Protein backbone atom coordinates (compact mmCIF):
# COMPACT_ATOMS: atom_id res chain seq x y z
CA MET A 1 22.65 171.76 46.61
CA SER A 2 19.89 172.77 48.96
CA SER A 3 20.04 176.15 50.61
CA GLU A 4 20.06 174.56 54.08
CA LEU A 5 23.10 172.42 53.24
CA PHE A 6 24.87 175.43 51.72
CA THR A 7 24.15 177.53 54.82
CA LEU A 8 25.42 174.86 57.19
CA THR A 9 28.53 174.21 55.10
CA TYR A 10 29.37 177.90 54.81
CA GLY A 11 28.71 178.41 58.51
CA ALA A 12 31.04 175.55 59.40
CA LEU A 13 33.71 177.01 57.10
CA VAL A 14 33.48 180.46 58.67
CA THR A 15 33.49 178.96 62.17
CA GLN A 16 36.66 177.02 61.39
CA LEU A 17 38.33 180.11 59.94
CA CYS A 18 37.45 182.05 63.09
CA LYS A 19 39.12 179.32 65.15
CA ASP A 20 42.20 179.24 62.90
CA TYR A 21 42.73 183.02 62.76
CA GLU A 22 42.63 185.27 65.78
CA ASN A 23 42.01 188.48 63.89
CA ASP A 24 38.70 189.18 62.10
CA GLU A 25 40.62 190.95 59.36
CA ASP A 26 42.56 187.76 58.61
CA VAL A 27 39.31 185.77 58.44
CA ASN A 28 37.89 188.29 55.97
CA LYS A 29 41.07 188.12 53.87
CA GLN A 30 40.80 184.33 53.68
CA LEU A 31 37.10 184.50 52.73
CA ASP A 32 37.89 187.09 50.06
CA LYS A 33 40.72 184.95 48.70
CA MET A 34 38.49 181.87 48.62
CA GLY A 35 35.69 183.78 46.89
CA TYR A 36 38.08 185.14 44.29
CA ASN A 37 39.48 181.68 43.57
CA ILE A 38 35.98 180.20 43.25
CA GLY A 39 35.04 182.97 40.82
CA VAL A 40 38.15 182.38 38.73
CA ARG A 41 37.41 178.66 38.53
CA LEU A 42 33.78 179.29 37.53
CA ILE A 43 34.82 181.67 34.76
CA GLU A 44 37.55 179.30 33.52
CA ASP A 45 35.01 176.48 33.42
CA PHE A 46 32.51 178.66 31.58
CA LEU A 47 35.07 179.78 28.99
CA ALA A 48 36.27 176.21 28.43
CA ARG A 49 32.73 174.93 27.80
CA SER A 50 31.20 177.81 25.87
CA ASN A 51 31.77 179.44 22.55
CA VAL A 52 31.45 183.02 23.81
CA GLY A 53 33.84 185.46 22.21
CA ARG A 54 35.87 188.16 23.87
CA CYS A 55 33.95 190.94 25.61
CA HIS A 56 35.01 194.47 24.70
CA ASP A 57 33.60 196.51 27.57
CA PHE A 58 32.05 196.30 31.02
CA ARG A 59 28.50 196.36 29.72
CA GLU A 60 29.04 193.46 27.33
CA THR A 61 30.75 191.45 30.07
CA ALA A 62 27.84 192.06 32.43
CA ASP A 63 25.35 191.04 29.74
CA VAL A 64 27.15 187.74 29.21
CA ILE A 65 27.31 187.11 32.94
CA ALA A 66 23.65 187.91 33.48
CA LYS A 67 22.16 186.23 30.43
CA VAL A 68 24.44 183.26 29.83
CA ILE A 69 26.27 182.31 33.01
CA ILE A 70 23.51 182.96 35.54
CA LEU A 71 20.86 181.50 33.27
CA GLY A 72 23.00 178.41 32.66
CA HIS A 73 23.97 177.79 36.27
CA LEU A 74 20.86 178.90 38.10
CA ALA A 75 18.27 178.26 35.38
CA MET A 76 16.65 181.63 35.97
CA PRO A 77 16.64 184.53 33.49
CA LYS A 78 17.85 187.88 34.71
CA ASP A 79 17.22 191.38 33.51
CA ILE A 80 19.91 193.96 33.89
CA HIS A 81 19.20 197.37 35.37
CA TRP A 82 22.02 199.82 34.71
CA GLU A 83 23.04 202.78 36.79
CA THR A 84 22.95 206.03 34.81
CA LEU A 85 26.74 206.25 34.50
CA LEU A 86 26.99 202.59 33.37
CA THR A 87 29.46 201.79 36.13
CA ALA A 88 27.24 199.43 38.14
CA LEU A 89 24.37 197.09 37.50
CA CYS A 90 21.72 195.30 39.50
CA LEU A 91 20.45 191.78 38.94
CA PRO A 92 17.06 191.75 40.67
């Protein structure tokens, strides 16, 4: 999907949500819910198609996401830069 088509589609979706819900907080809740559901479906699809074993900690999970999922779906390798406390990471 081209970035222009994605931008127009997402913009139309947000515009429709703004028309359907009067409160900005409700729009944000719906966008959050939709994003969560999309993420769950992506992970379920990944787990069904791959042979990746169970991750045991946050770091291992992030490594799999960065090196396998992102590489597979976006065809671009990513390096992981960890915060000193290992509680957050950055994918540049």
